[in-house]
Amino acid sequence: MADCIFCKIAEKEIPSNVVYEDDKILCFHDLDPQAPVHVLIIPKKHIASMDDVQPEDQELLGYIMTKVKDIAASLELENGYRLVNNCGEDGMQTVQHIHFHLLGKRKLTWPPG
């Protein structure tokens, strides 16, 4: 999508501090970290939100979930981490491109919001 900031990051039109990248996904440091480690994991395919996921996206989202543990290990999150997806206005989704926040390196509290 032409006006999507995460699509522009995935296309290297906007620089980011990349943690992991392959042909399907990109992981980069969040510009407003909420924990000592706070990265975003995005598919390179534009999907606006969880509400826009289609059956054909099942493999891609499953792929993302299988890569989380590898990304967490590369960031030395050996004591655990939190994986978050915000959906919609009430869910505090601020960028209309599905993404997952991976947070760690501190004791996270509950409830989160």
PDB file of N, CA and C in Angstrom:
ATOM      1  N   MET A   1       0.842  -1.181   0.000  1.00  0.00           N
ATOM      2  CA  MET A   1       0.000   0.000   0.000  1.00  0.00           C
ATOM      3  C   MET A   1       0.882   1.236   0.000  1.00  0.00           C
ATOM      4  N   ALA A   2       0.609   2.155  -0.863  1.00  0.00           N
ATOM      5  CA  ALA A   2       1.488   3.297  -1.131  1.00  0.00           C
ATOM      6  C   ALA A   2       1.694   4.231   0.059  1.00  0.00           C
ATOM      7  N   ASP A   3       0.686   4.435   0.902  1.00  0.00           N
ATOM      8  CA  ASP A   3       0.824   5.392   1.992  1.00  0.00           C
ATOM      9  C   ASP A   3       1.073   4.733   3.352  1.00  0.00           C
ATOM     10  N   CYS A   4       1.367   3.454   3.372  1.00  0.00           N
ATOM     11  CA  CYS A   4       1.584   2.714   4.624  1.00  0.00           C
ATOM     12  C   CYS A   4       3.047   2.831   5.053  1.00  0.00           C
ATOM     13  N   ILE A   5       3.265   3.358   6.247  1.00  0.00           N
ATOM     14  CA  ILE A   5       4.631   3.553   6.736  1.00  0.00           C
ATOM     15  C   ILE A   5       5.377   2.226   6.883  1.00  0.00           C
ATOM     16  N   PHE A   6       4.690   1.161   7.310  1.00  0.00           N
ATOM     17  CA  PHE A   6       5.374  -0.121   7.468  1.00  0.00           C
ATOM     18  C   PHE A   6       5.700  -0.743   6.113  1.00  0.00           C
ATOM     19  N   CYS A   7       4.855  -0.538   5.121  1.00  0.00           N
ATOM     20  CA  CYS A   7       5.191  -0.989   3.763  1.00  0.00           C
ATOM     21  C   CYS A   7       6.426  -0.257   3.266  1.00  0.00           C
ATOM     22  N   LYS A   8       6.516   1.034   3.553  1.00  0.00           N
ATOM     23  CA  LYS A   8       7.677   1.814   3.140  1.00  0.00           C
ATOM     24  C   LYS A   8       8.940   1.348   3.859  1.00  0.00           C
ATOM     25  N   ILE A   9       8.810   0.973   5.118  1.00  0.00           N
ATOM     26  CA  ILE A   9       9.949   0.419   5.863  1.00  0.00           C
ATOM     27  C   ILE A   9      10.352  -0.916   5.250  1.00  0.00           C
ATOM     28  N   ALA A  10       9.381  -1.765   4.946  1.00  0.00           N
ATOM     29  CA  ALA A  10       9.669  -3.078   4.346  1.00  0.00           C
ATOM     30  C   ALA A  10      10.331  -2.938   2.982  1.00  0.00           C
ATOM     31  N   GLU A  11       9.976  -1.892   2.254  1.00  0.00           N
ATOM     32  CA  GLU A  11      10.540  -1.646   0.924  1.00  0.00           C
ATOM     33  C   GLU A  11      11.837  -0.843   0.976  1.00  0.00           C
ATOM     34  N   LYS A  12      12.311  -0.530   2.194  1.00  0.00           N
ATOM     35  CA  LYS A  12      13.549   0.225   2.411  1.00  0.00           C
ATOM     36  C   LYS A  12      13.463   1.677   1.934  1.00  0.00           C
ATOM     37  N   GLU A  13      12.251   2.194   1.809  1.00  0.00           N
ATOM     38  CA  GLU A  13      12.072   3.602   1.484  1.00  0.00           C
ATOM     39  C   GLU A  13      12.276   4.467   2.727  1.00  0.00           C
ATOM     40  N   ILE A  14      12.055   3.870   3.885  1.00  0.00           N
ATOM     41  CA  ILE A  14      12.277   4.523   5.180  1.00  0.00           C
ATOM     42  C   ILE A  14      13.235   3.625   5.956  1.00  0.00           C
ATOM     43  N   PRO A  15      14.307   4.196   6.507  1.00  0.00           N
ATOM     44  CA  PRO A  15      15.269   3.364   7.237  1.00  0.00           C
ATOM     45  C   PRO A  15      14.710   2.859   8.565  1.00  0.00           C
ATOM     46  N   SER A  16      15.232   1.721   8.997  1.00  0.00           N
ATOM     47  CA  SER A  16      14.876   1.164  10.301  1.00  0.00           C
ATOM     48  C   SER A  16      16.082   0.413  10.849  1.00  0.00           C
ATOM     49  N   ASN A  17      16.046   0.151  12.130  1.00  0.00           N
ATOM     50  CA  ASN A  17      17.099  -0.609  12.793  1.00  0.00           C
ATOM     51  C   ASN A  17      16.679  -2.082  12.784  1.00  0.00           C
ATOM     52  N   VAL A  18      17.077  -2.790  11.742  1.00  0.00           N
ATOM     53  CA  VAL A  18      16.608  -4.153  11.486  1.00  0.00           C
ATOM     54  C   VAL A  18      17.260  -5.154  12.437  1.00  0.00           C
ATOM     55  N   VAL A  19      16.417  -6.039  12.973  1.00  0.00           N
ATOM     56  CA  VAL A  19      16.856  -7.143  13.823  1.00  0.00           C
ATOM     57  C   VAL A  19      16.884  -8.434  13.018  1.00  0.00           C
ATOM     58  N   TYR A  20      15.870  -8.627  12.180  1.00  0.00           N
ATOM     59  CA  TYR A  20      15.761  -9.846  11.367  1.00  0.00           C
ATOM     60  C   TYR A  20      14.982  -9.510  10.103  1.00  0.00           C
ATOM     61  N   GLU A  21      15.383 -10.158   9.011  1.00  0.00           N
ATOM     62  CA  GLU A  21      14.647  -9.989   7.763  1.00  0.00           C
ATOM     63  C   GLU A  21      14.820 -11.220   6.905  1.00  0.00           C
ATOM     64  N   ASP A  22      13.745 -11.600   6.245  1.00  0.00           N
ATOM     65  CA  ASP A  22      13.801 -12.610   5.201  1.00  0.00           C
ATOM     66  C   ASP A  22      12.811 -12.196   4.119  1.00  0.00           C
ATOM     67  N   ASP A  23      12.464 -13.083   3.226  1.00  0.00           N
ATOM     68  CA  ASP A  23      11.592 -12.696   2.117  1.00  0.00           C
ATOM     69  C   ASP A  23      10.140 -12.470   2.525  1.00  0.00           C
ATOM     70  N   LYS A  24       9.743 -12.906   3.747  1.00  0.00           N
ATOM     71  CA  LYS A  24       8.348 -12.799   4.177  1.00  0.00           C
ATOM     72  C   LYS A  24       8.103 -11.762   5.267  1.00  0.00           C
ATOM     73  N   ILE A  25       9.098 -11.560   6.133  1.00  0.00           N
ATOM     74  CA  ILE A  25       8.883 -10.701   7.295  1.00  0.00           C
ATOM     75  C   ILE A  25      10.070  -9.774   7.537  1.00  0.00           C
ATOM     76  N   LEU A  26       9.810  -8.755   8.342  1.00  0.00           N
ATOM     77  CA  LEU A  26      10.839  -7.826   8.783  1.00  0.00           C
ATOM     78  C   LEU A  26      10.619  -7.567  10.269  1.00  0.00           C
ATOM     79  N   CYS A  27      11.705  -7.527  11.009  1.00  0.00           N
ATOM     80  CA  CYS A  27      11.655  -7.210  12.439  1.00  0.00           C
ATOM     81  C   CYS A  27      12.627  -6.072  12.687  1.00  0.00           C
ATOM     82  N   PHE A  28      12.141  -5.024  13.354  1.00  0.00           N
ATOM     83  CA  PHE A  28      12.967  -3.846  13.598  1.00  0.00           C
ATOM     84  C   PHE A  28      12.621  -3.230  14.944  1.00  0.00           C
ATOM     85  N   HIS A  29      13.552  -2.438  15.466  1.00  0.00           N
ATOM     86  CA  HIS A  29      13.356  -1.793  16.763  1.00  0.00           C
ATOM     87  C   HIS A  29      12.263  -0.722  16.682  1.00  0.00           C
ATOM     88  N   ASP A  30      11.412  -0.703  17.707  1.00  0.00           N
ATOM     89  CA  ASP A  30      10.356   0.299  17.820  1.00  0.00           C
ATOM     90  C   ASP A  30      10.991   1.652  18.145  1.00  0.00           C
ATOM     91  N   LEU A  31      10.468   2.709  17.534  1.00  0.00           N
ATOM     92  CA  LEU A  31      11.000   4.057  17.785  1.00  0.00           C
ATOM     93  C   LEU A  31      10.592   4.620  19.141  1.00  0.00           C
ATOM     94  N   ASP A  32       9.568   4.035  19.761  1.00  0.00           N
ATOM     95  CA  ASP A  32       9.097   4.483  21.078  1.00  0.00           C
ATOM     96  C   ASP A  32       9.046   3.274  22.002  1.00  0.00           C
ATOM     97  N   PRO A  33      10.208   2.743  22.390  1.00  0.00           N
ATOM     98  CA  PRO A  33      10.234   1.490  23.142  1.00  0.00           C
ATOM     99  C   PRO A  33       9.545   1.594  24.504  1.00  0.00           C
ATOM    100  N   GLN A  34       8.794   0.540  24.825  1.00  0.00           N
ATOM    101  CA  GLN A  34       8.088   0.449  26.097  1.00  0.00           C
ATOM    102  C   GLN A  34       8.747  -0.543  27.045  1.00  0.00           C
ATOM    103  N   ALA A  35       9.879  -1.075  26.639  1.00  0.00           N
ATOM    104  CA  ALA A  35      10.665  -2.016  27.443  1.00  0.00           C
ATOM    105  C   ALA A  35      12.101  -1.925  26.927  1.00  0.00           C
ATOM    106  N   PRO A  36      13.065  -2.442  27.698  1.00  0.00           N
ATOM    107  CA  PRO A  36      14.449  -2.399  27.225  1.00  0.00           C
ATOM    108  C   PRO A  36      14.635  -3.033  25.841  1.00  0.00           C
ATOM    109  N   VAL A  37      13.896  -4.091  25.566  1.00  0.00           N
ATOM    110  CA  VAL A  37      13.830  -4.651  24.214  1.00  0.00           C
ATOM    111  C   VAL A  37      12.398  -4.481  23.740  1.00  0.00           C
ATOM    112  N   HIS A  38      12.223  -3.800  22.623  1.00  0.00           N
ATOM    113  CA  HIS A  38      10.891  -3.609  22.032  1.00  0.00           C
ATOM    114  C   HIS A  38      11.085  -3.540  20.518  1.00  0.00           C
ATOM    115  N   VAL A  39      10.711  -4.628  19.862  1.00  0.00           N
ATOM    116  CA  VAL A  39      10.809  -4.695  18.405  1.00  0.00           C
ATOM    117  C   VAL A  39       9.432  -4.953  17.815  1.00  0.00           C
ATOM    118  N   LEU A  40       9.308  -4.626  16.545  1.00  0.00           N
ATOM    119  CA  LEU A  40       8.082  -4.878  15.800  1.00  0.00           C
ATOM    120  C   LEU A  40       8.366  -5.939  14.753  1.00  0.00           C
ATOM    121  N   ILE A  41       7.444  -6.865  14.610  1.00  0.00           N
ATOM    122  CA  ILE A  41       7.536  -7.908  13.589  1.00  0.00           C
ATOM    123  C   ILE A  41       6.387  -7.681  12.627  1.00  0.00           C
ATOM    124  N   ILE A  42       6.713  -7.488  11.347  1.00  0.00           N
ATOM    125  CA  ILE A  42       5.677  -7.218  10.346  1.00  0.00           C
ATOM    126  C   ILE A  42       5.817  -8.182   9.171  1.00  0.00           C
ATOM    127  N   PRO A  43       4.698  -8.544   8.563  1.00  0.00           N
ATOM    128  CA  PRO A  43       4.799  -9.246   7.286  1.00  0.00           C
ATOM    129  C   PRO A  43       5.102  -8.214   6.203  1.00  0.00           C
ATOM    130  N   LYS A  44       5.809  -8.624   5.183  1.00  0.00           N
ATOM    131  CA  LYS A  44       6.064  -7.707   4.068  1.00  0.00           C
ATOM    132  C   LYS A  44       4.807  -7.517   3.225  1.00  0.00           C
ATOM    133  N   LYS A  45       3.901  -8.460   3.294  1.00  0.00           N
ATOM    134  CA  LYS A  45       2.609  -8.319   2.633  1.00  0.00           C
ATOM    135  C   LYS A  45       1.748  -7.366   3.457  1.00  0.00           C
ATOM    136  N   HIS A  46       1.092  -6.427   2.801  1.00  0.00           N
ATOM    137  CA  HIS A  46       0.229  -5.507   3.532  1.00  0.00           C
ATOM    138  C   HIS A  46      -1.081  -6.201   3.913  1.00  0.00           C
ATOM    139  N   ILE A  47      -1.312  -6.269   5.211  1.00  0.00           N
ATOM    140  CA  ILE A  47      -2.588  -6.704   5.793  1.00  0.00           C
ATOM    141  C   ILE A  47      -2.883  -5.632   6.834  1.00  0.00           C
ATOM    142  N   ALA A  48      -4.011  -4.977   6.733  1.00  0.00           N
ATOM    143  CA  ALA A  48      -4.281  -3.824   7.592  1.00  0.00           C
ATOM    144  C   ALA A  48      -4.361  -4.179   9.080  1.00  0.00           C
ATOM    145  N   SER A  49      -5.051  -5.249   9.434  1.00  0.00           N
ATOM    146  CA  SER A  49      -5.208  -5.614  10.848  1.00  0.00           C
ATOM    147  C   SER A  49      -5.633  -7.074  10.948  1.00  0.00           C
ATOM    148  N   MET A  50      -5.754  -7.555  12.169  1.00  0.00           N
ATOM    149  CA  MET A  50      -6.237  -8.923  12.370  1.00  0.00           C
ATOM    150  C   MET A  50      -7.627  -9.101  11.768  1.00  0.00           C
ATOM    151  N   ASP A  51      -8.411  -8.030  11.744  1.00  0.00           N
ATOM    152  CA  ASP A  51      -9.750  -8.103  11.156  1.00  0.00           C
ATOM    153  C   ASP A  51      -9.715  -8.273   9.642  1.00  0.00           C
ATOM    154  N   ASP A  52      -8.563  -8.053   9.031  1.00  0.00           N
ATOM    155  CA  ASP A  52      -8.434  -8.165   7.580  1.00  0.00           C
ATOM    156  C   ASP A  52      -7.723  -9.441   7.135  1.00  0.00           C
ATOM    157  N   VAL A  53      -7.365 -10.294   8.076  1.00  0.00           N
ATOM    158  CA  VAL A  53      -6.701 -11.552   7.738  1.00  0.00           C
ATOM    159  C   VAL A  53      -7.664 -12.435   6.948  1.00  0.00           C
ATOM    160  N   GLN A  54      -7.148 -13.008   5.871  1.00  0.00           N
ATOM    161  CA  GLN A  54      -7.929 -13.900   5.014  1.00  0.00           C
ATOM    162  C   GLN A  54      -7.385 -15.322   5.132  1.00  0.00           C
ATOM    163  N   PRO A  55      -8.178 -16.314   4.728  1.00  0.00           N
ATOM    164  CA  PRO A  55      -7.696 -17.697   4.804  1.00  0.00           C
ATOM    165  C   PRO A  55      -6.332 -17.900   4.131  1.00  0.00           C
ATOM    166  N   GLU A  56      -6.076 -17.192   3.052  1.00  0.00           N
ATOM    167  CA  GLU A  56      -4.794 -17.350   2.359  1.00  0.00           C
ATOM    168  C   GLU A  56      -3.615 -16.770   3.158  1.00  0.00           C
ATOM    169  N   ASP A  57      -3.892 -16.036   4.236  1.00  0.00           N
ATOM    170  CA  ASP A  57      -2.836 -15.474   5.079  1.00  0.00           C
ATOM    171  C   ASP A  57      -2.428 -16.410   6.215  1.00  0.00           C
ATOM    172  N   GLN A  58      -3.099 -17.538   6.330  1.00  0.00           N
ATOM    173  CA  GLN A  58      -2.845 -18.474   7.421  1.00  0.00           C
ATOM    174  C   GLN A  58      -1.384 -18.927   7.460  1.00  0.00           C
ATOM    175  N   GLU A  59      -0.825 -19.278   6.328  1.00  0.00           N
ATOM    176  CA  GLU A  59       0.563 -19.744   6.285  1.00  0.00           C
ATOM    177  C   GLU A  59       1.525 -18.632   6.707  1.00  0.00           C
ATOM    178  N   LEU A  60       1.302 -17.426   6.229  1.00  0.00           N
ATOM    179  CA  LEU A  60       2.174 -16.296   6.567  1.00  0.00           C
ATOM    180  C   LEU A  60       2.133 -16.004   8.062  1.00  0.00           C
ATOM    181  N   LEU A  61       0.951 -15.957   8.649  1.00  0.00           N
ATOM    182  CA  LEU A  61       0.850 -15.666  10.085  1.00  0.00           C
ATOM    183  C   LEU A  61       1.423 -16.808  10.917  1.00  0.00           C
ATOM    184  N   GLY A  62       1.221 -18.038  10.461  1.00  0.00           N
ATOM    185  CA  GLY A  62       1.847 -19.171  11.138  1.00  0.00           C
ATOM    186  C   GLY A  62       3.363 -19.087  11.072  1.00  0.00           C
ATOM    187  N   TYR A  63       3.864 -18.653   9.932  1.00  0.00           N
ATOM    188  CA  TYR A  63       5.301 -18.482   9.755  1.00  0.00           C
ATOM    189  C   TYR A  63       5.839 -17.450  10.747  1.00  0.00           C
ATOM    190  N   ILE A  64       5.135 -16.335  10.875  1.00  0.00           N
ATOM    191  CA  ILE A  64       5.558 -15.306  11.840  1.00  0.00           C
ATOM    192  C   ILE A  64       5.629 -15.905  13.239  1.00  0.00           C
ATOM    193  N   MET A  65       4.619 -16.653  13.625  1.00  0.00           N
ATOM    194  CA  MET A  65       4.594 -17.227  14.968  1.00  0.00           C
ATOM    195  C   MET A  65       5.757 -18.187  15.195  1.00  0.00           C
ATOM    196  N   THR A  66       6.167 -18.906  14.155  1.00  0.00           N
ATOM    197  CA  THR A  66       7.295 -19.832  14.330  1.00  0.00           C
ATOM    198  C   THR A  66       8.626 -19.108  14.398  1.00  0.00           C
ATOM    199  N   LYS A  67       8.709 -17.888  13.883  1.00  0.00           N
ATOM    200  CA  LYS A  67       9.955 -17.118  13.912  1.00  0.00           C
ATOM    201  C   LYS A  67      10.130 -16.336  15.214  1.00  0.00           C
ATOM    202  N   VAL A  68       9.052 -16.139  15.974  1.00  0.00           N
ATOM    203  CA  VAL A  68       9.129 -15.336  17.201  1.00  0.00           C
ATOM    204  C   VAL A  68      10.185 -15.885  18.151  1.00  0.00           C
ATOM    205  N   LYS A  69      10.205 -17.186  18.365  1.00  0.00           N
ATOM    206  CA  LYS A  69      11.164 -17.750  19.324  1.00  0.00           C
ATOM    207  C   LYS A  69      12.604 -17.538  18.876  1.00  0.00           C
ATOM    208  N   ASP A  70      12.851 -17.592  17.580  1.00  0.00           N
ATOM    209  CA  ASP A  70      14.201 -17.358  17.062  1.00  0.00           C
ATOM    210  C   ASP A  70      14.612 -15.899  17.235  1.00  0.00           C
ATOM    211  N   ILE A  71      13.688 -14.992  16.961  1.00  0.00           N
ATOM    212  CA  ILE A  71      13.968 -13.567  17.145  1.00  0.00           C
ATOM    213  C   ILE A  71      14.195 -13.273  18.626  1.00  0.00           C
ATOM    214  N   ALA A  72      13.347 -13.830  19.487  1.00  0.00           N
ATOM    215  CA  ALA A  72      13.506 -13.638  20.936  1.00  0.00           C
ATOM    216  C   ALA A  72      14.864 -14.162  21.404  1.00  0.00           C
ATOM    217  N   ALA A  73      15.279 -15.312  20.903  1.00  0.00           N
ATOM    218  CA  ALA A  73      16.581 -15.872  21.280  1.00  0.00           C
ATOM    219  C   ALA A  73      17.716 -14.968  20.811  1.00  0.00           C
ATOM    220  N   SER A  74      17.593 -14.413  19.608  1.00  0.00           N
ATOM    221  CA  SER A  74      18.647 -13.533  19.094  1.00  0.00           C
ATOM    222  C   SER A  74      18.763 -12.249  19.919  1.00  0.00           C
ATOM    223  N   LEU A  75      17.665 -11.870  20.575  1.00  0.00           N
ATOM    224  CA  LEU A  75      17.653 -10.677  21.431  1.00  0.00           C
ATOM    225  C   LEU A  75      17.931 -11.014  22.893  1.00  0.00           C
ATOM    226  N   GLU A  76      18.269 -12.282  23.147  1.00  0.00           N
ATOM    227  CA  GLU A  76      18.619 -12.769  24.485  1.00  0.00           C
ATOM    228  C   GLU A  76      17.495 -12.574  25.493  1.00  0.00           C
ATOM    229  N   LEU A  77      16.284 -12.906  25.078  1.00  0.00           N
ATOM    230  CA  LEU A  77      15.122 -12.802  25.970  1.00  0.00           C
ATOM    231  C   LEU A  77      14.891 -14.141  26.669  1.00  0.00           C
ATOM    232  N   GLU A  78      15.934 -14.636  27.318  1.00  0.00           N
ATOM    233  CA  GLU A  78      15.902 -15.956  27.924  1.00  0.00           C
ATOM    234  C   GLU A  78      14.959 -16.068  29.119  1.00  0.00           C
ATOM    235  N   ASN A  79      14.600 -14.954  29.757  1.00  0.00           N
ATOM    236  CA  ASN A  79      13.691 -14.994  30.912  1.00  0.00           C
ATOM    237  C   ASN A  79      12.233 -14.791  30.522  1.00  0.00           C
ATOM    238  N   GLY A  80      11.958 -14.718  29.228  1.00  0.00           N
ATOM    239  CA  GLY A  80      10.589 -14.546  28.769  1.00  0.00           C
ATOM    240  C   GLY A  80      10.388 -13.232  28.047  1.00  0.00           C
ATOM    241  N   TYR A  81       9.224 -13.105  27.486  1.00  0.00           N
ATOM    242  CA  TYR A  81       8.880 -11.931  26.687  1.00  0.00           C
ATOM    243  C   TYR A  81       7.377 -11.874  26.523  1.00  0.00           C
ATOM    244  N   ARG A  82       6.917 -10.766  25.972  1.00  0.00           N
ATOM    245  CA  ARG A  82       5.499 -10.597  25.663  1.00  0.00           C
ATOM    246  C   ARG A  82       5.384 -10.311  24.175  1.00  0.00           C
ATOM    247  N   LEU A  83       4.401 -10.957  23.536  1.00  0.00           N
ATOM    248  CA  LEU A  83       4.082 -10.718  22.135  1.00  0.00           C
ATOM    249  C   LEU A  83       2.684 -10.134  22.090  1.00  0.00           C
ATOM    250  N   VAL A  84       2.537  -8.945  21.476  1.00  0.00           N
ATOM    251  CA  VAL A  84       1.274  -8.213  21.493  1.00  0.00           C
ATOM    252  C   VAL A  84       0.872  -7.832  20.073  1.00  0.00           C
ATOM    253  N   ASN A  85      -0.420  -7.957  19.796  1.00  0.00           N
ATOM    254  CA  ASN A  85      -0.995  -7.424  18.562  1.00  0.00           C
ATOM    255  C   ASN A  85      -2.155  -6.528  18.954  1.00  0.00           C
ATOM    256  N   ASN A  86      -2.117  -5.285  18.510  1.00  0.00           N
ATOM    257  CA  ASN A  86      -3.216  -4.358  18.750  1.00  0.00           C
ATOM    258  C   ASN A  86      -4.096  -4.330  17.505  1.00  0.00           C
ATOM    259  N   CYS A  87      -5.414  -4.336  17.718  1.00  0.00           N
ATOM    260  CA  CYS A  87      -6.348  -4.354  16.587  1.00  0.00           C
ATOM    261  C   CYS A  87      -7.436  -3.311  16.798  1.00  0.00           C
ATOM    262  N   GLY A  88      -7.519  -2.388  15.850  1.00  0.00           N
ATOM    263  CA  GLY A  88      -8.582  -1.392  15.882  1.00  0.00           C
ATOM    264  C   GLY A  88      -8.321  -0.249  16.841  1.00  0.00           C
ATOM    265  N   GLU A  89      -9.226   0.705  16.805  1.00  0.00           N
ATOM    266  CA  GLU A  89      -9.079   1.929  17.593  1.00  0.00           C
ATOM    267  C   GLU A  89      -9.040   1.644  19.093  1.00  0.00           C
ATOM    268  N   ASP A  90      -9.988   0.865  19.605  1.00  0.00           N
ATOM    269  CA  ASP A  90     -10.002   0.557  21.034  1.00  0.00           C
ATOM    270  C   ASP A  90      -8.823  -0.317  21.443  1.00  0.00           C
ATOM    271  N   GLY A  91      -8.277  -1.069  20.505  1.00  0.00           N
ATOM    272  CA  GLY A  91      -7.106  -1.891  20.775  1.00  0.00           C
ATOM    273  C   GLY A  91      -5.801  -1.116  20.664  1.00  0.00           C
ATOM    274  N   MET A  92      -5.899   0.176  20.357  1.00  0.00           N
ATOM    275  CA  MET A  92      -4.751   1.077  20.245  1.00  0.00           C
ATOM    276  C   MET A  92      -3.842   0.765  19.056  1.00  0.00           C
ATOM    277  N   GLN A  93      -4.424   0.259  17.964  1.00  0.00           N
ATOM    278  CA  GLN A  93      -3.643   0.062  16.745  1.00  0.00           C
ATOM    279  C   GLN A  93      -3.436   1.420  16.092  1.00  0.00           C
ATOM    280  N   THR A  94      -2.186   1.842  15.981  1.00  0.00           N
ATOM    281  CA  THR A  94      -1.898   3.171  15.437  1.00  0.00           C
ATOM    282  C   THR A  94      -1.396   3.139  13.997  1.00  0.00           C
ATOM    283  N   VAL A  95      -0.901   1.996  13.546  1.00  0.00           N
ATOM    284  CA  VAL A  95      -0.464   1.839  12.159  1.00  0.00           C
ATOM    285  C   VAL A  95      -1.324   0.742  11.541  1.00  0.00           C
ATOM    286  N   GLN A  96      -1.935   1.062  10.421  1.00  0.00           N
ATOM    287  CA  GLN A  96      -2.853   0.119   9.772  1.00  0.00           C
ATOM    288  C   GLN A  96      -2.099  -0.871   8.882  1.00  0.00           C
ATOM    289  N   HIS A  97      -1.221  -1.625   9.518  1.00  0.00           N
ATOM    290  CA  HIS A  97      -0.472  -2.723   8.908  1.00  0.00           C
ATOM    291  C   HIS A  97      -0.249  -3.698  10.047  1.00  0.00           C
ATOM    292  N   ILE A  98      -0.744  -4.896   9.916  1.00  0.00           N
ATOM    293  CA  ILE A  98      -0.649  -5.859  11.013  1.00  0.00           C
ATOM    294  C   ILE A  98       0.800  -5.972  11.489  1.00  0.00           C
ATOM    295  N   HIS A  99       0.977  -5.948  12.787  1.00  0.00           N
ATOM    296  CA  HIS A  99       2.307  -6.057  13.362  1.00  0.00           C
ATOM    297  C   HIS A  99       2.209  -6.595  14.783  1.00  0.00           C
ATOM    298  N   PHE A 100       3.321  -7.130  15.217  1.00  0.00           N
ATOM    299  CA  PHE A 100       3.408  -7.729  16.538  1.00  0.00           C
ATOM    300  C   PHE A 100       4.539  -7.056  17.301  1.00  0.00           C
ATOM    301  N   HIS A 101       4.239  -6.636  18.517  1.00  0.00           N
ATOM    302  CA  HIS A 101       5.238  -6.045  19.404  1.00  0.00           C
ATOM    303  C   HIS A 101       5.857  -7.186  20.209  1.00  0.00           C
ATOM    304  N   LEU A 102       7.165  -7.280  20.207  1.00  0.00           N
ATOM    305  CA  LEU A 102       7.895  -8.245  21.023  1.00  0.00           C
ATOM    306  C   LEU A 102       8.657  -7.428  22.061  1.00  0.00           C
ATOM    307  N   LEU A 103       8.293  -7.630  23.335  1.00  0.00           N
ATOM    308  CA  LEU A 103       8.855  -6.839  24.431  1.00  0.00           C
ATOM    309  C   LEU A 103       9.520  -7.743  25.456  1.00  0.00           C
ATOM    310  N   GLY A 104      10.622  -7.273  26.019  1.00  0.00           N
ATOM    311  CA  GLY A 104      11.283  -8.062  27.053  1.00  0.00           C
ATOM    312  C   GLY A 104      12.423  -7.321  27.712  1.00  0.00           C
ATOM    313  N   LYS A 105      13.168  -8.073  28.509  1.00  0.00           N
ATOM    314  CA  LYS A 105      14.317  -7.599  29.299  1.00  0.00           C
ATOM    315  C   LYS A 105      13.898  -6.779  30.511  1.00  0.00           C
ATOM    316  N   ARG A 106      12.642  -6.955  30.939  1.00  0.00           N
ATOM    317  CA  ARG A 106      12.209  -6.434  32.231  1.00  0.00           C
ATOM    318  C   ARG A 106      10.981  -7.238  32.640  1.00  0.00           C
ATOM    319  N   LYS A 107      10.645  -7.197  33.910  1.00  0.00           N
ATOM    320  CA  LYS A 107       9.447  -7.862  34.412  1.00  0.00           C
ATOM    321  C   LYS A 107       8.238  -7.073  33.911  1.00  0.00           C
ATOM    322  N   LEU A 108       7.400  -7.713  33.125  1.00  0.00           N
ATOM    323  CA  LEU A 108       6.215  -7.064  32.580  1.00  0.00           C
ATOM    324  C   LEU A 108       5.038  -7.261  33.535  1.00  0.00           C
ATOM    325  N   THR A 109       4.206  -6.258  33.654  1.00  0.00           N
ATOM    326  CA  THR A 109       3.091  -6.313  34.601  1.00  0.00           C
ATOM    327  C   THR A 109       1.795  -6.684  33.893  1.00  0.00           C
ATOM    328  N   TRP A 110       0.793  -7.016  34.717  1.00  0.00           N
ATOM    329  CA  TRP A 110      -0.529  -7.366  34.205  1.00  0.00           C
ATOM    330  C   TRP A 110      -1.567  -6.760  35.131  1.00  0.00           C
ATOM    331  N   PRO A 111      -2.648  -6.194  34.664  1.00  0.00           N
ATOM    332  CA  PRO A 111      -3.033  -6.086  33.263  1.00  0.00           C
ATOM    333  C   PRO A 111      -2.205  -5.030  32.540  1.00  0.00           C
ATOM    334  N   PRO A 112      -2.051  -5.204  31.209  1.00  0.00           N
ATOM    335  CA  PRO A 112      -1.190  -4.304  30.466  1.00  0.00           C
ATOM    336  C   PRO A 112      -1.791  -2.930  30.177  1.00  0.00           C
ATOM    337  N   GLY A 113      -3.111  -2.794  30.134  1.00  0.00           N
ATOM    338  CA  GLY A 113      -3.659  -1.497  29.752  1.00  0.00           C
ATOM    339  C   GLY A 113      -4.788  -1.171  30.603  1.00  0.00           C
TER     340      GLY A 113
END
